[in-house]
Amino acid sequence: MGIALKIVLFFLIFAVLLVQPAYALSFTGFTDKFNYKINDTINYTGSSDQNITSNVTLYLINSSNSLFNTPSIIPNATNFTTQVDAKVPRSGDYIIKANFTFNSTYYESSAIVKISKAHTTVISTNKPAYSPGEKINFTVLVTDVNSIGISD
């Protein structure tokens, strides 16, 4: 085989490899912050290197694998932001999981968030200064997002 034929074959194979469609996808998902209060809105952003045109389902899951709020979105874009309401019965660590299928491949991304009842915590004493050995009385006031006191 002559050198000219080898060069032509090389460029032909190279051209065929260049026009092959890319099937792999790089995806990551994240939230706008880590700590949320019950009933807050969690902003979830997904980012990929290719246009996602399939249904992306989000799950808010507690440590017992109970599901809360499972919105879906079809982003038709490489980046998207959607909201998930933190309407959960109790404080704790939760996972926001996003999953979808792209070109017959299943993708999943997770982010951990902490959701708590408390909105404001104020610790005060009954007077501004104390003498050595004197007993200090603390008052702790914890309120929820509606400014209602929390007892536990």
Protein backbone atom coordinates (compact mmCIF):
# COMPACT_ATOMS: atom_id res chain seq x y z
CA MET A 1 0.00 0.00 0.00
CA GLY A 2 1.45 3.35 -1.06
CA ILE A 3 2.03 6.30 1.23
CA ALA A 4 -0.66 8.36 -0.54
CA LEU A 5 -3.26 5.66 0.11
CA LYS A 6 -2.22 5.46 3.77
CA ILE A 7 -2.63 9.22 4.15
CA VAL A 8 -6.05 9.14 2.51
CA LEU A 9 -7.15 6.24 4.76
CA PHE A 10 -5.85 8.06 7.84
CA PHE A 11 -7.81 11.24 7.03
CA LEU A 12 -10.90 9.24 6.13
CA ILE A 13 -10.86 7.38 9.47
CA PHE A 14 -10.12 10.64 11.31
CA ALA A 15 -13.07 12.37 9.60
CA VAL A 16 -15.42 9.50 10.49
CA LEU A 17 -14.35 9.70 14.14
CA LEU A 18 -14.93 13.46 14.20
CA VAL A 19 -18.54 13.23 13.05
CA GLN A 20 -19.54 10.54 15.57
CA PRO A 21 -22.22 11.94 17.90
CA ALA A 22 -21.32 12.33 21.57
CA TYR A 23 -23.57 10.19 23.76
CA ALA A 24 -21.98 10.73 27.15
CA LEU A 25 -23.20 13.57 29.32
CA SER A 26 -21.63 15.37 32.24
CA PHE A 27 -24.23 16.56 34.76
CA THR A 28 -24.06 18.18 38.18
CA GLY A 29 -26.76 19.56 40.43
CA PHE A 30 -26.58 21.89 43.42
CA THR A 31 -28.70 24.08 45.68
CA ASP A 32 -28.35 27.80 46.34
CA LYS A 33 -27.47 27.19 50.02
CA PHE A 34 -27.19 24.41 52.60
CA ASN A 35 -29.53 25.48 55.45
CA TYR A 36 -33.25 26.02 54.93
CA LYS A 37 -36.24 26.55 57.17
CA ILE A 38 -39.41 24.46 56.89
CA ASN A 39 -41.57 25.87 54.07
CA ASP A 40 -38.63 27.72 52.45
CA THR A 41 -38.15 27.48 48.71
CA ILE A 42 -35.05 25.54 47.69
CA ASN A 43 -33.50 26.67 44.41
CA TYR A 44 -31.98 23.69 42.61
CA THR A 45 -29.71 24.24 39.60
CA GLY A 46 -28.71 21.55 37.15
CA SER A 47 -25.83 22.00 34.74
CA SER A 48 -24.70 19.75 31.91
CA ASP A 49 -22.43 19.88 28.89
CA GLN A 50 -25.28 19.01 26.52
CA ASN A 51 -28.88 20.09 26.03
CA ILE A 52 -31.20 18.04 28.27
CA THR A 53 -34.51 17.45 26.52
CA SER A 54 -35.87 14.67 28.73
CA ASN A 55 -37.92 14.87 31.90
CA VAL A 56 -35.83 15.65 35.02
CA THR A 57 -37.55 14.57 38.26
CA LEU A 58 -36.48 16.01 41.60
CA TYR A 59 -37.02 14.22 44.91
CA LEU A 60 -36.77 15.64 48.43
CA ILE A 61 -35.98 12.61 50.63
CA ASN A 62 -35.46 12.24 54.38
CA SER A 63 -33.25 9.70 56.17
CA SER A 64 -36.13 7.17 56.24
CA ASN A 65 -36.43 7.42 52.43
CA SER A 66 -39.80 9.16 52.65
CA LEU A 67 -40.49 11.33 49.62
CA PHE A 68 -41.64 14.95 49.81
CA ASN A 69 -42.37 17.23 46.86
CA THR A 70 -41.40 15.58 43.59
CA PRO A 71 -41.56 18.24 40.87
CA SER A 72 -40.52 17.50 37.29
CA ILE A 73 -39.10 19.75 34.61
CA ILE A 74 -38.12 19.40 30.95
CA PRO A 75 -35.31 21.96 30.75
CA ASN A 76 -34.49 21.82 27.00
CA ALA A 77 -31.23 23.56 27.93
CA THR A 78 -27.77 22.85 29.33
CA ASN A 79 -28.49 24.79 32.55
CA PHE A 80 -31.74 25.09 34.46
CA THR A 81 -32.98 26.26 37.84
CA THR A 82 -36.17 25.04 39.45
CA GLN A 83 -37.75 25.32 42.87
CA VAL A 84 -38.60 22.68 45.45
CA ASP A 85 -40.69 23.61 48.49
CA ALA A 86 -39.23 22.48 51.81
CA LYS A 87 -42.64 21.45 53.11
CA VAL A 88 -41.57 18.71 55.49
CA PRO A 89 -42.97 17.59 58.86
CA ARG A 90 -39.79 17.93 60.92
CA SER A 91 -36.26 19.26 61.03
CA GLY A 92 -33.40 17.15 59.74
CA ASP A 93 -31.01 16.34 56.94
CA TYR A 94 -32.66 15.81 53.57
CA ILE A 95 -31.38 14.84 50.14
CA ILE A 96 -32.46 16.52 46.93
CA LYS A 97 -32.05 13.99 44.16
CA ALA A 98 -32.44 14.71 40.45
CA ASN A 99 -32.67 11.92 37.92
CA PHE A 100 -33.32 11.56 34.20
CA THR A 101 -32.46 9.45 31.17
CA PHE A 102 -30.35 10.82 28.32
CA ASN A 103 -29.64 8.71 25.22
CA SER A 104 -30.72 5.55 27.06
CA THR A 105 -28.38 6.24 29.99
CA TYR A 106 -29.70 6.90 33.51
CA TYR A 107 -28.24 9.92 35.35
CA GLU A 108 -28.63 10.90 39.00
CA SER A 109 -27.27 13.75 41.09
CA SER A 110 -27.78 14.38 44.82
CA ALA A 111 -27.31 17.30 47.19
CA ILE A 112 -27.67 17.27 50.98
CA VAL A 113 -29.62 20.07 52.68
CA LYS A 114 -30.50 20.75 56.30
CA ILE A 115 -34.09 21.82 56.95
CA SER A 116 -35.01 23.15 60.40
CA LYS A 117 -38.04 24.47 62.26
CA ALA A 118 -36.27 27.38 63.85
CA HIS A 119 -36.23 30.72 62.13
CA THR A 120 -34.77 32.86 64.89
CA THR A 121 -32.95 31.99 68.11
CA VAL A 122 -32.42 34.65 70.79
CA ILE A 123 -30.49 33.96 74.00
CA SER A 124 -30.65 36.61 76.71
CA THR A 125 -29.94 37.02 80.43
CA ASN A 126 -32.07 38.71 83.08
CA LYS A 127 -29.51 41.48 83.69
CA PRO A 128 -26.52 42.99 81.86
CA ALA A 129 -23.73 42.19 84.38
CA TYR A 130 -23.09 39.59 87.09
CA SER A 131 -20.74 39.30 90.07
CA PRO A 132 -18.40 36.29 90.40
CA GLY A 133 -20.28 33.23 91.69
CA GLU A 134 -23.69 34.76 91.00
CA LYS A 135 -26.29 32.57 89.31
CA ILE A 136 -27.04 33.52 85.68
CA ASN A 137 -30.55 33.04 84.32
CA PHE A 138 -30.76 32.46 80.58
CA THR A 139 -33.86 32.84 78.46
CA VAL A 140 -33.89 31.13 75.07
CA LEU A 141 -36.53 32.10 72.54
CA VAL A 142 -36.81 30.09 69.33
CA THR A 143 -39.42 30.98 66.71
CA ASP A 144 -40.48 29.42 63.43
CA VAL A 145 -40.91 31.17 60.10
CA ASN A 146 -44.27 32.58 61.31
CA SER A 147 -42.68 34.01 64.50
CA ILE A 148 -44.47 31.39 66.63
CA GLY A 149 -42.50 29.94 69.53
CA ILE A 150 -41.11 26.42 69.23
CA SER A 151 -41.12 24.22 72.32
CA ASP A 152 -38.80 21.38 71.24
